[in-house]
Amino acid sequence: MPSAPRSRGAARVQHQSGPRGRARAAENWARYPHAADGGALPPLDADAVALLKARISFDLAGRLTDKQKIAIAVLAFSILSVAPAIKIGIGVGVCIWALLMAFVAGLAFYGRRYTARTAARLEAAGLTLVTDRMGRQRYLPPTGQIG
């Protein structure tokens, strides 16, 4: 029997359907009975939100390798610099291309620095670096569960 096709980019939500999860759900229903109707919601922990944003950012940055990102940017900017070269002149097109390539180098430098800063923030929060089945690196909490 063939298996169902899997989406490579889809996130999985892991529910806690055991007794602990049901107890938390009952407690939340009791504390916030009108939340489903647009009423009060539990307050957000700013540190937890920042940590979640850092995890998402690291995961998105790791979808492509640095070489792939640079190759895509070089190809796109090279194509964009052809129009001015045809319209205005080859010298202008070459100058625009050179400026765009310097911009690609700056983006690559900033991207590496941003990823390193995000990784340091995740490690400081106690998350561990693991490699998933697709070969991508991600940070997981000490429980080892995604989500």
C-alpha atoms as a PDB file:
ATOM      1  CA  MET A   1       0.000   0.000   0.000  1.00  0.00           C
ATOM      2  CA  PRO A   2       1.622   3.306  -1.047  1.00  0.00           C
ATOM      3  CA  SER A   3       2.081   5.914   1.630  1.00  0.00           C
ATOM      4  CA  ALA A   4       0.397   9.279   1.434  1.00  0.00           C
ATOM      5  CA  PRO A   5       2.462  12.113  -0.061  1.00  0.00           C
ATOM      6  CA  ARG A   6       4.219  14.189   2.543  1.00  0.00           C
ATOM      7  CA  SER A   7       4.618  17.920   2.517  1.00  0.00           C
ATOM      8  CA  ARG A   8       8.193  18.948   3.201  1.00  0.00           C
ATOM      9  CA  GLY A   9       7.340  22.390   4.524  1.00  0.00           C
ATOM     10  CA  ALA A  10       4.271  21.660   6.628  1.00  0.00           C
ATOM     11  CA  ALA A  11       4.462  22.069  10.365  1.00  0.00           C
ATOM     12  CA  ARG A  12       3.038  19.434  12.642  1.00  0.00           C
ATOM     13  CA  VAL A  13       0.998  20.376  15.675  1.00  0.00           C
ATOM     14  CA  GLN A  14       1.391  17.983  18.538  1.00  0.00           C
ATOM     15  CA  HIS A  15      -1.593  17.859  20.854  1.00  0.00           C
ATOM     16  CA  GLN A  16      -1.397  16.698  24.422  1.00  0.00           C
ATOM     17  CA  SER A  17      -4.436  14.451  24.513  1.00  0.00           C
ATOM     18  CA  GLY A  18      -3.412  12.561  27.630  1.00  0.00           C
ATOM     19  CA  PRO A  19      -4.591  13.289  31.151  1.00  0.00           C
ATOM     20  CA  ARG A  20      -2.131  16.158  31.528  1.00  0.00           C
ATOM     21  CA  GLY A  21      -3.354  17.843  28.367  1.00  0.00           C
ATOM     22  CA  ARG A  22      -6.997  17.418  29.315  1.00  0.00           C
ATOM     23  CA  ALA A  23      -6.292  18.875  32.761  1.00  0.00           C
ATOM     24  CA  ARG A  24      -4.605  21.925  31.226  1.00  0.00           C
ATOM     25  CA  ALA A  25      -7.517  22.371  28.805  1.00  0.00           C
ATOM     26  CA  ALA A  26     -10.073  22.190  31.632  1.00  0.00           C
ATOM     27  CA  GLU A  27      -8.076  24.703  33.680  1.00  0.00           C
ATOM     28  CA  ASN A  28      -7.895  27.112  30.737  1.00  0.00           C
ATOM     29  CA  TRP A  29     -11.635  26.764  30.047  1.00  0.00           C
ATOM     30  CA  ALA A  30     -12.331  27.583  33.700  1.00  0.00           C
ATOM     31  CA  ARG A  31      -9.967  30.576  33.765  1.00  0.00           C
ATOM     32  CA  TYR A  32     -10.993  32.007  30.369  1.00  0.00           C
ATOM     33  CA  PRO A  33     -14.596  30.874  29.695  1.00  0.00           C
ATOM     34  CA  HIS A  34     -15.339  33.552  27.071  1.00  0.00           C
ATOM     35  CA  ALA A  35     -12.080  33.295  25.120  1.00  0.00           C
ATOM     36  CA  ALA A  36     -13.755  31.400  22.265  1.00  0.00           C
ATOM     37  CA  ASP A  37     -16.307  34.218  21.921  1.00  0.00           C
ATOM     38  CA  GLY A  38     -13.710  36.968  21.645  1.00  0.00           C
ATOM     39  CA  GLY A  39     -13.296  37.489  25.388  1.00  0.00           C
ATOM     40  CA  ALA A  40     -10.146  37.736  27.468  1.00  0.00           C
ATOM     41  CA  LEU A  41      -7.180  35.558  26.540  1.00  0.00           C
ATOM     42  CA  PRO A  42      -4.300  34.422  28.704  1.00  0.00           C
ATOM     43  CA  PRO A  43      -1.394  36.889  28.755  1.00  0.00           C
ATOM     44  CA  LEU A  44       1.559  36.117  26.507  1.00  0.00           C
ATOM     45  CA  ASP A  45       5.003  35.562  27.944  1.00  0.00           C
ATOM     46  CA  ALA A  46       7.230  37.984  26.020  1.00  0.00           C
ATOM     47  CA  ASP A  47      10.318  35.777  26.446  1.00  0.00           C
ATOM     48  CA  ALA A  48       8.481  32.717  25.117  1.00  0.00           C
ATOM     49  CA  VAL A  49       7.240  34.694  22.099  1.00  0.00           C
ATOM     50  CA  ALA A  50      10.764  35.991  21.378  1.00  0.00           C
ATOM     51  CA  LEU A  51      12.149  32.458  21.656  1.00  0.00           C
ATOM     52  CA  LEU A  52       9.486  31.119  19.292  1.00  0.00           C
ATOM     53  CA  LYS A  53      10.269  33.896  16.797  1.00  0.00           C
ATOM     54  CA  ALA A  54      13.966  33.007  17.004  1.00  0.00           C
ATOM     55  CA  ARG A  55      13.216  29.313  16.347  1.00  0.00           C
ATOM     56  CA  ILE A  56      11.034  30.182  13.360  1.00  0.00           C
ATOM     57  CA  SER A  57      13.683  32.558  12.032  1.00  0.00           C
ATOM     58  CA  PHE A  58      16.420  29.923  12.344  1.00  0.00           C
ATOM     59  CA  ASP A  59      14.241  27.306  10.616  1.00  0.00           C
ATOM     60  CA  LEU A  60      13.421  29.654   7.738  1.00  0.00           C
ATOM     61  CA  ALA A  61      17.052  30.675   7.329  1.00  0.00           C
ATOM     62  CA  GLY A  62      18.072  27.014   7.127  1.00  0.00           C
ATOM     63  CA  ARG A  63      15.750  26.066   4.272  1.00  0.00           C
ATOM     64  CA  LEU A  64      18.454  26.862   1.701  1.00  0.00           C
ATOM     65  CA  THR A  65      22.230  26.734   2.044  1.00  0.00           C
ATOM     66  CA  ASP A  66      24.264  29.930   1.794  1.00  0.00           C
ATOM     67  CA  LYS A  67      25.533  28.878  -1.638  1.00  0.00           C
ATOM     68  CA  GLN A  68      21.989  28.334  -2.894  1.00  0.00           C
ATOM     69  CA  LYS A  69      20.853  31.728  -1.590  1.00  0.00           C
ATOM     70  CA  ILE A  70      23.819  33.466  -3.211  1.00  0.00           C
ATOM     71  CA  ALA A  71      23.300  31.640  -6.511  1.00  0.00           C
ATOM     72  CA  ILE A  72      19.629  32.641  -6.633  1.00  0.00           C
ATOM     73  CA  ALA A  73      20.441  36.276  -5.805  1.00  0.00           C
ATOM     74  CA  VAL A  74      23.257  36.446  -8.382  1.00  0.00           C
ATOM     75  CA  LEU A  75      21.021  34.980 -11.084  1.00  0.00           C
ATOM     76  CA  ALA A  76      18.105  37.290 -10.269  1.00  0.00           C
ATOM     77  CA  PHE A  77      20.238  40.437 -10.056  1.00  0.00           C
ATOM     78  CA  SER A  78      22.136  39.519 -13.230  1.00  0.00           C
ATOM     79  CA  ILE A  79      18.851  39.236 -15.096  1.00  0.00           C
ATOM     80  CA  LEU A  80      17.692  42.548 -13.615  1.00  0.00           C
ATOM     81  CA  SER A  81      20.854  44.314 -14.765  1.00  0.00           C
ATOM     82  CA  VAL A  82      20.347  43.247 -18.389  1.00  0.00           C
ATOM     83  CA  ALA A  83      17.466  45.692 -18.988  1.00  0.00           C
ATOM     84  CA  PRO A  84      19.455  48.844 -18.164  1.00  0.00           C
ATOM     85  CA  ALA A  85      22.369  47.496 -20.212  1.00  0.00           C
ATOM     86  CA  ILE A  86      20.105  47.175 -23.252  1.00  0.00           C
ATOM     87  CA  LYS A  87      18.166  50.391 -22.674  1.00  0.00           C
ATOM     88  CA  ILE A  88      20.935  52.791 -21.568  1.00  0.00           C
ATOM     89  CA  GLY A  89      24.228  51.161 -22.449  1.00  0.00           C
ATOM     90  CA  ILE A  90      26.563  48.344 -21.527  1.00  0.00           C
ATOM     91  CA  GLY A  91      28.651  50.507 -19.187  1.00  0.00           C
ATOM     92  CA  VAL A  92      25.624  51.441 -17.094  1.00  0.00           C
ATOM     93  CA  GLY A  93      24.482  47.804 -17.036  1.00  0.00           C
ATOM     94  CA  VAL A  94      27.900  46.642 -15.810  1.00  0.00           C
ATOM     95  CA  CYS A  95      27.948  49.324 -13.086  1.00  0.00           C
ATOM     96  CA  ILE A  96      24.468  48.331 -11.917  1.00  0.00           C
ATOM     97  CA  TRP A  97      25.486  44.657 -11.971  1.00  0.00           C
ATOM     98  CA  ALA A  98      28.608  45.410  -9.882  1.00  0.00           C
ATOM     99  CA  LEU A  99      26.559  47.349  -7.318  1.00  0.00           C
ATOM    100  CA  LEU A 100      24.040  44.523  -7.082  1.00  0.00           C
ATOM    101  CA  MET A 101      26.812  41.950  -6.601  1.00  0.00           C
ATOM    102  CA  ALA A 102      28.220  44.057  -3.750  1.00  0.00           C
ATOM    103  CA  PHE A 103      24.708  44.081  -2.307  1.00  0.00           C
ATOM    104  CA  VAL A 104      24.611  40.240  -2.545  1.00  0.00           C
ATOM    105  CA  ALA A 105      27.915  40.048  -0.646  1.00  0.00           C
ATOM    106  CA  GLY A 106      26.492  42.326   2.054  1.00  0.00           C
ATOM    107  CA  LEU A 107      23.326  40.252   2.294  1.00  0.00           C
ATOM    108  CA  ALA A 108      25.355  37.057   2.644  1.00  0.00           C
ATOM    109  CA  PHE A 109      27.458  38.604   5.416  1.00  0.00           C
ATOM    110  CA  TYR A 110      24.405  39.928   7.257  1.00  0.00           C
ATOM    111  CA  GLY A 111      22.575  36.602   6.859  1.00  0.00           C
ATOM    112  CA  ARG A 112      25.426  34.621   8.399  1.00  0.00           C
ATOM    113  CA  ARG A 113      25.712  37.082  11.260  1.00  0.00           C
ATOM    114  CA  TYR A 114      21.964  37.042  11.888  1.00  0.00           C
ATOM    115  CA  THR A 115      21.854  33.237  11.866  1.00  0.00           C
ATOM    116  CA  ALA A 116      24.805  33.049  14.283  1.00  0.00           C
ATOM    117  CA  ARG A 117      23.138  35.556  16.635  1.00  0.00           C
ATOM    118  CA  THR A 118      19.867  33.616  16.507  1.00  0.00           C
ATOM    119  CA  ALA A 119      21.664  30.328  17.158  1.00  0.00           C
ATOM    120  CA  ALA A 120      23.433  31.838  20.174  1.00  0.00           C
ATOM    121  CA  ARG A 121      20.101  33.084  21.547  1.00  0.00           C
ATOM    122  CA  LEU A 122      18.549  29.621  21.124  1.00  0.00           C
ATOM    123  CA  GLU A 123      21.491  27.871  22.762  1.00  0.00           C
ATOM    124  CA  ALA A 124      21.393  30.324  25.671  1.00  0.00           C
ATOM    125  CA  ALA A 125      17.725  29.400  26.159  1.00  0.00           C
ATOM    126  CA  GLY A 126      18.700  25.742  26.568  1.00  0.00           C
ATOM    127  CA  LEU A 127      17.610  24.420  23.165  1.00  0.00           C
ATOM    128  CA  THR A 128      19.761  21.770  21.505  1.00  0.00           C
ATOM    129  CA  LEU A 129      20.876  21.646  17.890  1.00  0.00           C
ATOM    130  CA  VAL A 130      19.711  18.523  16.033  1.00  0.00           C
ATOM    131  CA  THR A 131      19.650  17.459  12.399  1.00  0.00           C
ATOM    132  CA  ASP A 132      16.256  16.351  11.101  1.00  0.00           C
ATOM    133  CA  ARG A 133      15.501  13.647   8.517  1.00  0.00           C
ATOM    134  CA  MET A 134      15.883  16.142   5.665  1.00  0.00           C
ATOM    135  CA  GLY A 135      19.409  17.050   6.815  1.00  0.00           C
ATOM    136  CA  ARG A 136      18.447  20.511   8.066  1.00  0.00           C
ATOM    137  CA  GLN A 137      19.606  21.769  11.414  1.00  0.00           C
ATOM    138  CA  ARG A 138      17.033  22.930  13.933  1.00  0.00           C
ATOM    139  CA  TYR A 139      16.867  23.745  17.587  1.00  0.00           C
ATOM    140  CA  LEU A 140      14.635  21.681  19.843  1.00  0.00           C
ATOM    141  CA  PRO A 141      13.700  22.148  23.490  1.00  0.00           C
ATOM    142  CA  PRO A 142      15.170  19.726  26.040  1.00  0.00           C
ATOM    143  CA  THR A 143      12.061  17.521  25.666  1.00  0.00           C
ATOM    144  CA  GLY A 144      13.121  16.860  22.068  1.00  0.00           C
ATOM    145  CA  GLN A 145       9.651  17.541  20.640  1.00  0.00           C
ATOM    146  CA  ILE A 146       8.921  19.869  17.791  1.00  0.00           C
ATOM    147  CA  GLY A 147       6.318  22.417  18.825  1.00  0.00           C
END
